[in-house]
Amino acid sequence: MAENTNAASNAAQQKVDPAFDCLAVTQVQVFPFKEGPSLGHLKGLAQIVLNDQMVIRGLRVMDGVNGLFVSYPLDPFYKGEDFKSICNPITRQLREHIENCILEKYQAAVA
């Protein structure tokens, strides 16, 4: 009987609070660049605040083959052949939410 009680309490602890299903972007700052030949695909920088508790700086607004997208900060000390992100969203829902918030603010700043 004690095993069932422990299993039930462990299952209750593993449930995720629905309020944290997706972090919310509560603040966005975008710094668009003026067009120049040396900038290439880089169109601007951004920083966001998540749930009024965590800031992510160094986000880049890039112009790619399929249009504008958001690139995440890279580790400057990584010695591999590929790039390594310092932080990035795990779920597609959060990635789309962050990208939409940043690109909307970028389009408003450029217009």
N, C-alpha and C. Protein backbone atom coordinates (compact mmCIF):
# COMPACT_ATOMS: atom_id res chain seq x y z
N MET A 1 0.83 -1.19 0.00
CA MET A 1 0.00 0.00 0.00
C MET A 1 0.87 1.25 0.00
N ALA A 2 1.98 1.21 0.75
CA ALA A 2 2.87 2.37 0.79
C ALA A 2 3.47 2.66 -0.57
N GLU A 3 3.73 1.61 -1.37
CA GLU A 3 4.28 1.82 -2.71
C GLU A 3 3.30 2.57 -3.59
N ASN A 4 2.00 2.27 -3.49
CA ASN A 4 0.99 2.96 -4.29
C ASN A 4 0.90 4.43 -3.91
N THR A 5 1.02 4.72 -2.62
CA THR A 5 0.96 6.10 -2.16
C THR A 5 2.16 6.88 -2.68
N ASN A 6 3.36 6.28 -2.63
CA ASN A 6 4.55 6.94 -3.16
C ASN A 6 4.46 7.15 -4.66
N ALA A 7 3.94 6.17 -5.37
CA ALA A 7 3.79 6.28 -6.82
C ALA A 7 2.81 7.40 -7.16
N ALA A 8 1.72 7.50 -6.39
CA ALA A 8 0.72 8.54 -6.64
C ALA A 8 1.30 9.93 -6.37
N SER A 9 2.08 10.06 -5.31
CA SER A 9 2.66 11.37 -4.99
C SER A 9 3.72 11.75 -6.02
N ASN A 10 4.50 10.76 -6.51
CA ASN A 10 5.49 11.05 -7.55
C ASN A 10 4.81 11.49 -8.84
N ALA A 11 3.71 10.85 -9.19
CA ALA A 11 2.97 11.22 -10.41
C ALA A 11 2.40 12.63 -10.27
N ALA A 12 1.93 12.99 -9.08
CA ALA A 12 1.38 14.33 -8.87
C ALA A 12 2.48 15.39 -8.98
N GLN A 13 3.69 15.08 -8.50
CA GLN A 13 4.79 16.03 -8.57
C GLN A 13 5.27 16.23 -10.00
N GLN A 14 5.11 15.22 -10.86
CA GLN A 14 5.60 15.32 -12.22
C GLN A 14 4.65 16.07 -13.15
N LYS A 15 3.41 16.32 -12.72
CA LYS A 15 2.48 17.08 -13.54
C LYS A 15 3.00 18.50 -13.70
N VAL A 16 2.85 19.02 -14.91
CA VAL A 16 3.35 20.37 -15.21
C VAL A 16 2.25 21.37 -14.94
N ASP A 17 2.61 22.47 -14.31
CA ASP A 17 1.68 23.55 -14.06
C ASP A 17 1.24 24.15 -15.40
N PRO A 18 -0.06 24.21 -15.69
CA PRO A 18 -0.51 24.70 -16.99
C PRO A 18 -0.15 26.16 -17.24
N ALA A 19 0.11 26.94 -16.20
CA ALA A 19 0.49 28.34 -16.40
C ALA A 19 1.87 28.44 -17.06
N PHE A 20 2.70 27.42 -16.92
CA PHE A 20 4.04 27.45 -17.50
C PHE A 20 4.15 26.56 -18.74
N ASP A 21 3.00 26.26 -19.36
CA ASP A 21 3.02 25.46 -20.57
C ASP A 21 3.85 26.14 -21.65
N CYS A 22 3.71 27.47 -21.76
CA CYS A 22 4.51 28.23 -22.71
C CYS A 22 4.90 29.54 -22.04
N LEU A 23 6.15 29.85 -22.07
CA LEU A 23 6.60 31.12 -21.52
C LEU A 23 6.04 32.25 -22.37
N ALA A 24 5.75 33.36 -21.76
CA ALA A 24 5.21 34.51 -22.48
C ALA A 24 6.29 35.56 -22.64
N VAL A 25 6.37 36.13 -23.81
CA VAL A 25 7.27 37.24 -24.06
C VAL A 25 6.57 38.49 -23.55
N THR A 26 7.13 39.10 -22.51
CA THR A 26 6.47 40.25 -21.89
C THR A 26 7.07 41.57 -22.31
N GLN A 27 8.26 41.54 -22.90
CA GLN A 27 8.88 42.77 -23.38
C GLN A 27 9.79 42.44 -24.55
N VAL A 28 9.77 43.30 -25.58
CA VAL A 28 10.62 43.12 -26.76
C VAL A 28 11.26 44.45 -27.09
N GLN A 29 12.57 44.44 -27.31
CA GLN A 29 13.28 45.60 -27.81
C GLN A 29 14.01 45.17 -29.07
N VAL A 30 13.81 45.94 -30.15
CA VAL A 30 14.43 45.63 -31.43
C VAL A 30 15.28 46.82 -31.85
N PHE A 31 16.46 46.53 -32.37
CA PHE A 31 17.39 47.56 -32.82
C PHE A 31 17.73 47.30 -34.28
N PRO A 32 16.91 47.83 -35.22
CA PRO A 32 17.16 47.57 -36.64
C PRO A 32 18.40 48.33 -37.11
N PHE A 33 19.10 47.75 -38.08
CA PHE A 33 20.29 48.39 -38.66
C PHE A 33 19.89 49.10 -39.93
N LYS A 34 20.62 50.17 -40.25
CA LYS A 34 20.45 50.80 -41.55
C LYS A 34 21.11 49.90 -42.58
N GLU A 35 20.54 49.90 -43.77
CA GLU A 35 21.09 49.04 -44.83
C GLU A 35 22.53 49.43 -45.13
N GLY A 36 23.38 48.43 -45.28
CA GLY A 36 24.77 48.66 -45.60
C GLY A 36 25.36 47.42 -46.23
N PRO A 37 26.38 47.58 -47.05
CA PRO A 37 26.94 46.42 -47.76
C PRO A 37 27.64 45.43 -46.84
N SER A 38 28.12 45.85 -45.69
CA SER A 38 28.89 44.96 -44.83
C SER A 38 28.02 44.13 -43.89
N LEU A 39 26.73 44.41 -43.81
CA LEU A 39 25.88 43.69 -42.86
C LEU A 39 25.36 42.37 -43.41
N GLY A 40 25.28 42.21 -44.71
CA GLY A 40 24.83 40.95 -45.29
C GLY A 40 23.40 40.63 -44.90
N HIS A 41 23.19 39.46 -44.33
CA HIS A 41 21.85 38.99 -43.98
C HIS A 41 21.37 39.52 -42.64
N LEU A 42 22.24 40.11 -41.85
CA LEU A 42 21.87 40.63 -40.53
C LEU A 42 21.08 41.92 -40.68
N LYS A 43 19.87 41.94 -40.15
CA LYS A 43 18.99 43.11 -40.29
C LYS A 43 18.83 43.88 -38.98
N GLY A 44 19.12 43.25 -37.84
CA GLY A 44 18.98 43.94 -36.58
C GLY A 44 19.23 43.02 -35.40
N LEU A 45 19.25 43.61 -34.21
CA LEU A 45 19.41 42.86 -32.97
C LEU A 45 18.16 43.03 -32.12
N ALA A 46 17.95 42.10 -31.21
CA ALA A 46 16.78 42.17 -30.34
C ALA A 46 17.11 41.59 -28.98
N GLN A 47 16.31 42.00 -28.01
CA GLN A 47 16.34 41.37 -26.69
C GLN A 47 14.91 41.22 -26.22
N ILE A 48 14.66 40.15 -25.47
CA ILE A 48 13.31 39.87 -24.99
C ILE A 48 13.35 39.58 -23.49
N VAL A 49 12.21 39.75 -22.86
CA VAL A 49 12.03 39.38 -21.46
C VAL A 49 10.92 38.34 -21.43
N LEU A 50 11.16 37.23 -20.75
CA LEU A 50 10.19 36.15 -20.62
C LEU A 50 9.55 36.18 -19.25
N ASN A 51 8.23 36.24 -19.21
CA ASN A 51 7.45 36.23 -17.95
C ASN A 51 7.93 37.26 -16.95
N ASP A 52 8.43 38.38 -17.41
CA ASP A 52 8.95 39.45 -16.54
C ASP A 52 10.02 38.94 -15.59
N GLN A 53 10.72 37.85 -15.95
CA GLN A 53 11.69 37.27 -15.03
C GLN A 53 13.04 36.94 -15.66
N MET A 54 13.09 36.77 -16.97
CA MET A 54 14.36 36.36 -17.60
C MET A 54 14.56 37.14 -18.89
N VAL A 55 15.77 37.66 -19.08
CA VAL A 55 16.08 38.41 -20.29
C VAL A 55 17.00 37.57 -21.18
N ILE A 56 16.76 37.64 -22.48
CA ILE A 56 17.64 37.01 -23.47
C ILE A 56 18.10 38.11 -24.41
N ARG A 57 19.40 38.35 -24.42
CA ARG A 57 20.00 39.36 -25.29
C ARG A 57 20.76 38.68 -26.41
N GLY A 58 21.03 39.43 -27.45
CA GLY A 58 21.85 38.90 -28.54
C GLY A 58 21.07 38.15 -29.60
N LEU A 59 19.75 38.26 -29.60
CA LEU A 59 18.95 37.66 -30.67
C LEU A 59 19.17 38.48 -31.94
N ARG A 60 19.26 37.81 -33.08
CA ARG A 60 19.53 38.51 -34.33
C ARG A 60 18.35 38.32 -35.29
N VAL A 61 17.96 39.41 -35.93
CA VAL A 61 16.96 39.34 -37.00
C VAL A 61 17.74 39.15 -38.29
N MET A 62 17.49 38.03 -38.96
CA MET A 62 18.24 37.67 -40.17
C MET A 62 17.29 37.59 -41.36
N ASP A 63 17.84 37.87 -42.55
CA ASP A 63 17.09 37.73 -43.79
C ASP A 63 17.62 36.51 -44.52
N GLY A 64 16.81 35.47 -44.60
CA GLY A 64 17.23 34.22 -45.24
C GLY A 64 16.51 33.98 -46.55
N VAL A 65 16.69 32.81 -47.08
CA VAL A 65 16.07 32.42 -48.35
C VAL A 65 14.55 32.47 -48.25
N ASN A 66 14.00 32.07 -47.11
CA ASN A 66 12.55 32.04 -46.91
C ASN A 66 12.01 33.27 -46.19
N GLY A 67 12.77 34.32 -46.12
CA GLY A 67 12.32 35.55 -45.46
C GLY A 67 13.02 35.77 -44.14
N LEU A 68 12.43 36.65 -43.33
CA LEU A 68 13.03 37.00 -42.04
C LEU A 68 12.87 35.87 -41.03
N PHE A 69 13.90 35.71 -40.19
CA PHE A 69 13.82 34.76 -39.09
C PHE A 69 14.68 35.26 -37.95
N VAL A 70 14.54 34.64 -36.79
CA VAL A 70 15.28 35.03 -35.59
C VAL A 70 16.36 33.99 -35.33
N SER A 71 17.57 34.46 -35.10
CA SER A 71 18.70 33.60 -34.79
C SER A 71 19.08 33.84 -33.33
N TYR A 72 19.42 32.77 -32.65
CA TYR A 72 19.70 32.85 -31.21
C TYR A 72 21.18 33.08 -30.95
N PRO A 73 21.53 33.59 -29.76
CA PRO A 73 22.93 33.89 -29.44
C PRO A 73 23.81 32.66 -29.55
N LEU A 74 25.03 32.87 -30.05
CA LEU A 74 25.99 31.78 -30.22
C LEU A 74 27.07 31.86 -29.16
N ASP A 75 27.62 30.73 -28.82
CA ASP A 75 28.72 30.64 -27.85
C ASP A 75 30.01 31.08 -28.54
N PRO A 76 30.59 32.21 -28.12
CA PRO A 76 31.80 32.70 -28.80
C PRO A 76 33.04 31.85 -28.51
N PHE A 77 32.99 31.00 -27.50
CA PHE A 77 34.16 30.21 -27.13
C PHE A 77 34.09 28.78 -27.64
N TYR A 78 33.04 28.43 -28.38
CA TYR A 78 32.90 27.07 -28.90
C TYR A 78 33.93 26.86 -30.01
N LYS A 79 34.68 25.77 -29.92
CA LYS A 79 35.78 25.51 -30.85
C LYS A 79 35.46 24.47 -31.91
N GLY A 80 34.20 24.05 -32.04
CA GLY A 80 33.83 23.06 -33.04
C GLY A 80 33.68 23.70 -34.41
N GLU A 81 33.41 22.88 -35.40
CA GLU A 81 33.25 23.38 -36.76
C GLU A 81 31.90 24.05 -36.96
N ASP A 82 30.88 23.59 -36.25
CA ASP A 82 29.55 24.18 -36.36
C ASP A 82 29.39 25.25 -35.29
N PHE A 83 28.29 25.99 -35.40
CA PHE A 83 27.96 26.97 -34.37
C PHE A 83 27.19 26.29 -33.26
N LYS A 84 27.31 26.81 -32.04
CA LYS A 84 26.61 26.25 -30.89
C LYS A 84 25.83 27.37 -30.20
N SER A 85 24.52 27.19 -30.10
CA SER A 85 23.67 28.20 -29.45
C SER A 85 23.86 28.18 -27.94
N ILE A 86 23.78 29.34 -27.34
CA ILE A 86 23.82 29.45 -25.89
C ILE A 86 22.45 29.10 -25.33
N CYS A 87 21.40 29.57 -25.97
CA CYS A 87 20.04 29.27 -25.54
C CYS A 87 19.15 29.19 -26.77
N ASN A 88 18.15 28.35 -26.69
CA ASN A 88 17.16 28.25 -27.75
C ASN A 88 15.93 27.54 -27.19
N PRO A 89 14.75 27.85 -27.76
CA PRO A 89 13.53 27.21 -27.26
C PRO A 89 13.49 25.73 -27.62
N ILE A 90 12.91 24.94 -26.75
CA ILE A 90 12.80 23.51 -26.97
C ILE A 90 11.56 23.20 -27.82
N THR A 91 10.44 23.86 -27.51
CA THR A 91 9.20 23.55 -28.20
C THR A 91 8.99 24.47 -29.40
N ARG A 92 8.30 23.95 -30.39
CA ARG A 92 7.98 24.73 -31.58
C ARG A 92 7.05 25.89 -31.22
N GLN A 93 6.14 25.65 -30.28
CA GLN A 93 5.19 26.68 -29.85
C GLN A 93 5.92 27.91 -29.31
N LEU A 94 6.90 27.70 -28.45
CA LEU A 94 7.65 28.82 -27.89
C LEU A 94 8.50 29.50 -28.95
N ARG A 95 9.12 28.72 -29.84
CA ARG A 95 9.94 29.31 -30.90
C ARG A 95 9.09 30.22 -31.79
N GLU A 96 7.91 29.77 -32.18
CA GLU A 96 7.03 30.58 -33.03
C GLU A 96 6.55 31.82 -32.30
N HIS A 97 6.25 31.69 -31.00
CA HIS A 97 5.79 32.83 -30.20
C HIS A 97 6.89 33.90 -30.13
N ILE A 98 8.11 33.49 -29.84
CA ILE A 98 9.22 34.44 -29.75
C ILE A 98 9.47 35.09 -31.10
N GLU A 99 9.52 34.29 -32.16
CA GLU A 99 9.79 34.82 -33.48
C GLU A 99 8.70 35.80 -33.92
N ASN A 100 7.44 35.47 -33.69
CA ASN A 100 6.35 36.37 -34.07
C ASN A 100 6.44 37.70 -33.33
N CYS A 101 6.72 37.67 -32.03
CA CYS A 101 6.82 38.90 -31.25
C CYS A 101 7.96 39.78 -31.76
N ILE A 102 9.10 39.19 -32.01
CA ILE A 102 10.27 39.96 -32.46
C ILE A 102 10.05 40.50 -33.86
N LEU A 103 9.56 39.67 -34.78
CA LEU A 103 9.39 40.13 -36.16
C LEU A 103 8.29 41.18 -36.29
N GLU A 104 7.24 41.09 -35.49
CA GLU A 104 6.21 42.13 -35.50
C GLU A 104 6.80 43.47 -35.05
N LYS A 105 7.58 43.44 -33.99
CA LYS A 105 8.20 44.65 -33.48
C LYS A 105 9.23 45.20 -34.49
N TYR A 106 9.96 44.30 -35.15
CA TYR A 106 10.93 44.71 -36.17
C TYR A 106 10.23 45.39 -37.35
N GLN A 107 9.14 44.78 -37.84
CA GLN A 107 8.42 45.36 -38.97
C GLN A 107 7.86 46.75 -38.61
N ALA A 108 7.38 46.90 -37.38
CA ALA A 108 6.86 48.19 -36.93
C ALA A 108 7.97 49.23 -36.85
N ALA A 109 9.17 48.83 -36.42
CA ALA A 109 10.29 49.76 -36.29
C ALA A 109 10.83 50.18 -37.65
N VAL A 110 10.80 49.28 -38.61
CA VAL A 110 11.33 49.57 -39.94
C VAL A 110 10.35 50.43 -40.75
N ALA A 111 9.04 50.20 -40.53
CA ALA A 111 8.01 50.92 -41.33
C ALA A 111 7.95 52.40 -40.99
